Amino acid sequence: MDKKTKNEMETVEILIGKIMRIGVLIAASVMVIGFIMLIFQQSSGYPGTTFPTTLSEILKGITTFKPYAYMMAGIFLLILTPVLRVLVSIYAFYKEKDVLYVWITTIVFIILMFGFILGHH
């Protein structure tokens, strides 16, 4: 591996680390906002023991300031963080010209997307 490629890989590794840290911090912040709203509102924003389970319900709940919607959005963002890491890894392997790992990581990404789509319904 030449010096340029090594520097590019170090940059990508730093980017992956930042994505993971920032993703977790944003997700935790959104969940804490939802928890604080829950404390002040004394209500989840939903009847009984129900809560939003789809992305559209979560977004609708966020626009109407429902605490559980914010908490679920935080969980969604937490799940999204490693998915972004997989995408960046595909790019990193591509830059390394490691075709095998580009394919493996792409398959992992496709499986994640299928899981997301199937879990959505």
C-alpha atoms as a PDB file:
ATOM      1  CA  MET A   1       0.000   0.000   0.000  1.00  0.00           C
ATOM      2  CA  ASP A   2       1.486   3.340  -1.004  1.00  0.00           C
ATOM      3  CA  LYS A   3       1.662   6.384   1.281  1.00  0.00           C
ATOM      4  CA  LYS A   4      -1.267   8.169  -0.410  1.00  0.00           C
ATOM      5  CA  THR A   5      -3.567   5.160  -0.027  1.00  0.00           C
ATOM      6  CA  LYS A   6      -2.480   4.741   3.587  1.00  0.00           C
ATOM      7  CA  ASN A   7      -3.290   8.398   4.328  1.00  0.00           C
ATOM      8  CA  GLU A   8      -6.683   8.041   2.609  1.00  0.00           C
ATOM      9  CA  MET A   9      -7.453   4.950   4.698  1.00  0.00           C
ATOM     10  CA  GLU A  10      -6.497   6.730   7.915  1.00  0.00           C
ATOM     11  CA  THR A  11      -8.816   9.579   6.914  1.00  0.00           C
ATOM     12  CA  VAL A  12     -11.656   7.122   6.226  1.00  0.00           C
ATOM     13  CA  GLU A  13     -11.062   5.359   9.561  1.00  0.00           C
ATOM     14  CA  ILE A  14     -11.193   8.710  11.357  1.00  0.00           C
ATOM     15  CA  LEU A  15     -14.412   9.536   9.470  1.00  0.00           C
ATOM     16  CA  ILE A  16     -15.952   6.200  10.504  1.00  0.00           C
ATOM     17  CA  GLY A  17     -15.062   6.880  14.138  1.00  0.00           C
ATOM     18  CA  LYS A  18     -16.613  10.348  13.940  1.00  0.00           C
ATOM     19  CA  ILE A  19     -19.779   8.975  12.339  1.00  0.00           C
ATOM     20  CA  MET A  20     -20.168   6.460  15.161  1.00  0.00           C
ATOM     21  CA  ARG A  21     -19.538   9.029  17.925  1.00  0.00           C
ATOM     22  CA  ILE A  22     -21.714  11.747  16.407  1.00  0.00           C
ATOM     23  CA  GLY A  23     -24.497   9.271  15.600  1.00  0.00           C
ATOM     24  CA  VAL A  24     -24.602   7.965  19.163  1.00  0.00           C
ATOM     25  CA  LEU A  25     -24.499  11.497  20.616  1.00  0.00           C
ATOM     26  CA  ILE A  26     -27.334  12.708  18.383  1.00  0.00           C
ATOM     27  CA  ALA A  27     -29.433   9.617  19.108  1.00  0.00           C
ATOM     28  CA  ALA A  28     -28.872   9.954  22.857  1.00  0.00           C
ATOM     29  CA  SER A  29     -29.687  13.669  22.734  1.00  0.00           C
ATOM     30  CA  VAL A  30     -32.977  13.039  20.930  1.00  0.00           C
ATOM     31  CA  MET A  31     -33.898  10.336  23.474  1.00  0.00           C
ATOM     32  CA  VAL A  32     -33.044  12.652  26.384  1.00  0.00           C
ATOM     33  CA  ILE A  33     -35.193  15.399  24.836  1.00  0.00           C
ATOM     34  CA  GLY A  34     -38.081  12.916  24.645  1.00  0.00           C
ATOM     35  CA  PHE A  35     -37.500  11.851  28.249  1.00  0.00           C
ATOM     36  CA  ILE A  36     -37.463  15.469  29.465  1.00  0.00           C
ATOM     37  CA  MET A  37     -40.668  16.137  27.522  1.00  0.00           C
ATOM     38  CA  LEU A  38     -42.201  13.056  29.154  1.00  0.00           C
ATOM     39  CA  ILE A  39     -41.317  14.360  32.616  1.00  0.00           C
ATOM     40  CA  PHE A  40     -42.809  17.804  31.953  1.00  0.00           C
ATOM     41  CA  GLN A  41     -45.885  16.683  30.001  1.00  0.00           C
ATOM     42  CA  GLN A  42     -46.632  13.719  32.298  1.00  0.00           C
ATOM     43  CA  SER A  43     -47.923  11.901  29.215  1.00  0.00           C
ATOM     44  CA  SER A  44     -46.411   9.856  26.426  1.00  0.00           C
ATOM     45  CA  GLY A  45     -48.617  11.642  23.913  1.00  0.00           C
ATOM     46  CA  TYR A  46     -50.284   8.341  23.007  1.00  0.00           C
ATOM     47  CA  PRO A  47     -53.276   6.551  24.527  1.00  0.00           C
ATOM     48  CA  GLY A  48     -52.652   3.705  26.958  1.00  0.00           C
ATOM     49  CA  THR A  49     -49.549   1.671  26.283  1.00  0.00           C
ATOM     50  CA  THR A  50     -49.312   2.480  22.564  1.00  0.00           C
ATOM     51  CA  PHE A  51     -46.356   4.162  20.905  1.00  0.00           C
ATOM     52  CA  PRO A  52     -45.287   4.973  17.327  1.00  0.00           C
ATOM     53  CA  THR A  53     -43.872   2.023  15.423  1.00  0.00           C
ATOM     54  CA  THR A  54     -43.463   3.307  11.869  1.00  0.00           C
ATOM     55  CA  LEU A  55     -41.261   6.059  10.535  1.00  0.00           C
ATOM     56  CA  SER A  56     -44.290   8.065   9.394  1.00  0.00           C
ATOM     57  CA  GLU A  57     -45.897   7.791  12.857  1.00  0.00           C
ATOM     58  CA  ILE A  58     -42.620   8.855  14.474  1.00  0.00           C
ATOM     59  CA  LEU A  59     -42.305  11.894  12.187  1.00  0.00           C
ATOM     60  CA  LYS A  60     -45.952  12.830  12.763  1.00  0.00           C
ATOM     61  CA  GLY A  61     -45.428  12.497  16.529  1.00  0.00           C
ATOM     62  CA  ILE A  62     -42.313  14.671  16.426  1.00  0.00           C
ATOM     63  CA  THR A  63     -44.198  17.458  14.642  1.00  0.00           C
ATOM     64  CA  THR A  64     -46.841  17.348  17.374  1.00  0.00           C
ATOM     65  CA  PHE A  65     -44.250  17.188  20.201  1.00  0.00           C
ATOM     66  CA  LYS A  66     -45.131  13.727  21.548  1.00  0.00           C
ATOM     67  CA  PRO A  67     -42.427  12.465  23.951  1.00  0.00           C
ATOM     68  CA  TYR A  68     -42.556   8.817  22.885  1.00  0.00           C
ATOM     69  CA  ALA A  69     -42.090   9.858  19.243  1.00  0.00           C
ATOM     70  CA  TYR A  70     -38.840  11.610  20.196  1.00  0.00           C
ATOM     71  CA  MET A  71     -37.681   8.579  22.147  1.00  0.00           C
ATOM     72  CA  MET A  72     -38.453   6.274  19.229  1.00  0.00           C
ATOM     73  CA  ALA A  73     -36.692   8.666  16.836  1.00  0.00           C
ATOM     74  CA  GLY A  74     -33.614   8.430  19.044  1.00  0.00           C
ATOM     75  CA  ILE A  75     -33.740   4.647  18.862  1.00  0.00           C
ATOM     76  CA  PHE A  76     -34.153   4.826  15.073  1.00  0.00           C
ATOM     77  CA  LEU A  77     -31.121   7.132  14.811  1.00  0.00           C
ATOM     78  CA  LEU A  78     -29.133   4.759  16.998  1.00  0.00           C
ATOM     79  CA  ILE A  79     -29.982   1.902  14.640  1.00  0.00           C
ATOM     80  CA  LEU A  80     -29.127   4.069  11.617  1.00  0.00           C
ATOM     81  CA  THR A  81     -25.612   4.846  12.899  1.00  0.00           C
ATOM     82  CA  PRO A  82     -24.023   1.443  12.125  1.00  0.00           C
ATOM     83  CA  VAL A  83     -25.817   1.405   8.767  1.00  0.00           C
ATOM     84  CA  LEU A  84     -23.973   4.620   7.864  1.00  0.00           C
ATOM     85  CA  ARG A  85     -20.771   2.957   9.006  1.00  0.00           C
ATOM     86  CA  VAL A  86     -21.401   0.093   6.579  1.00  0.00           C
ATOM     87  CA  LEU A  87     -21.893   2.587   3.735  1.00  0.00           C
ATOM     88  CA  VAL A  88     -18.626   4.355   4.543  1.00  0.00           C
ATOM     89  CA  SER A  89     -16.905   0.967   4.766  1.00  0.00           C
ATOM     90  CA  ILE A  90     -18.033   0.139   1.235  1.00  0.00           C
ATOM     91  CA  TYR A  91     -16.346   3.336   0.081  1.00  0.00           C
ATOM     92  CA  ALA A  92     -13.215   2.569   2.119  1.00  0.00           C
ATOM     93  CA  PHE A  93     -12.869  -0.911   0.644  1.00  0.00           C
ATOM     94  CA  TYR A  94     -13.471   0.517  -2.824  1.00  0.00           C
ATOM     95  CA  LYS A  95     -10.653   3.028  -2.306  1.00  0.00           C
ATOM     96  CA  GLU A  96      -8.383   0.175  -1.174  1.00  0.00           C
ATOM     97  CA  LYS A  97      -9.366  -1.703  -4.339  1.00  0.00           C
ATOM     98  CA  ASP A  98     -10.414  -4.639  -2.165  1.00  0.00           C
ATOM     99  CA  VAL A  99     -13.152  -6.012  -4.414  1.00  0.00           C
ATOM    100  CA  LEU A 100     -13.980  -8.988  -2.196  1.00  0.00           C
ATOM    101  CA  TYR A 101     -14.746  -6.786   0.805  1.00  0.00           C
ATOM    102  CA  VAL A 102     -16.663  -4.295  -1.338  1.00  0.00           C
ATOM    103  CA  TRP A 103     -18.950  -7.148  -2.347  1.00  0.00           C
ATOM    104  CA  ILE A 104     -19.229  -8.596   1.165  1.00  0.00           C
ATOM    105  CA  THR A 105     -19.982  -5.197   2.696  1.00  0.00           C
ATOM    106  CA  THR A 106     -22.479  -4.407  -0.071  1.00  0.00           C
ATOM    107  CA  ILE A 107     -24.270  -7.689   0.656  1.00  0.00           C
ATOM    108  CA  VAL A 108     -24.335  -6.782   4.361  1.00  0.00           C
ATOM    109  CA  PHE A 109     -25.846  -3.398   3.440  1.00  0.00           C
ATOM    110  CA  ILE A 110     -28.493  -5.056   1.241  1.00  0.00           C
ATOM    111  CA  ILE A 111     -29.377  -7.452   4.070  1.00  0.00           C
ATOM    112  CA  LEU A 112     -29.702  -4.492   6.450  1.00  0.00           C
ATOM    113  CA  MET A 113     -32.033  -2.741   3.992  1.00  0.00           C
ATOM    114  CA  PHE A 114     -34.152  -5.876   3.526  1.00  0.00           C
ATOM    115  CA  GLY A 115     -34.381  -6.211   7.308  1.00  0.00           C
ATOM    116  CA  PHE A 116     -35.418  -2.588   7.608  1.00  0.00           C
ATOM    117  CA  ILE A 117     -38.060  -2.906   4.879  1.00  0.00           C
ATOM    118  CA  LEU A 118     -39.433  -6.215   6.178  1.00  0.00           C
ATOM    119  CA  GLY A 119     -39.400  -4.966   9.770  1.00  0.00           C
ATOM    120  CA  HIS A 120     -41.282  -1.848   8.705  1.00  0.00           C
ATOM    121  CA  HIS A 121     -44.372  -3.831   7.657  1.00  0.00           C
END
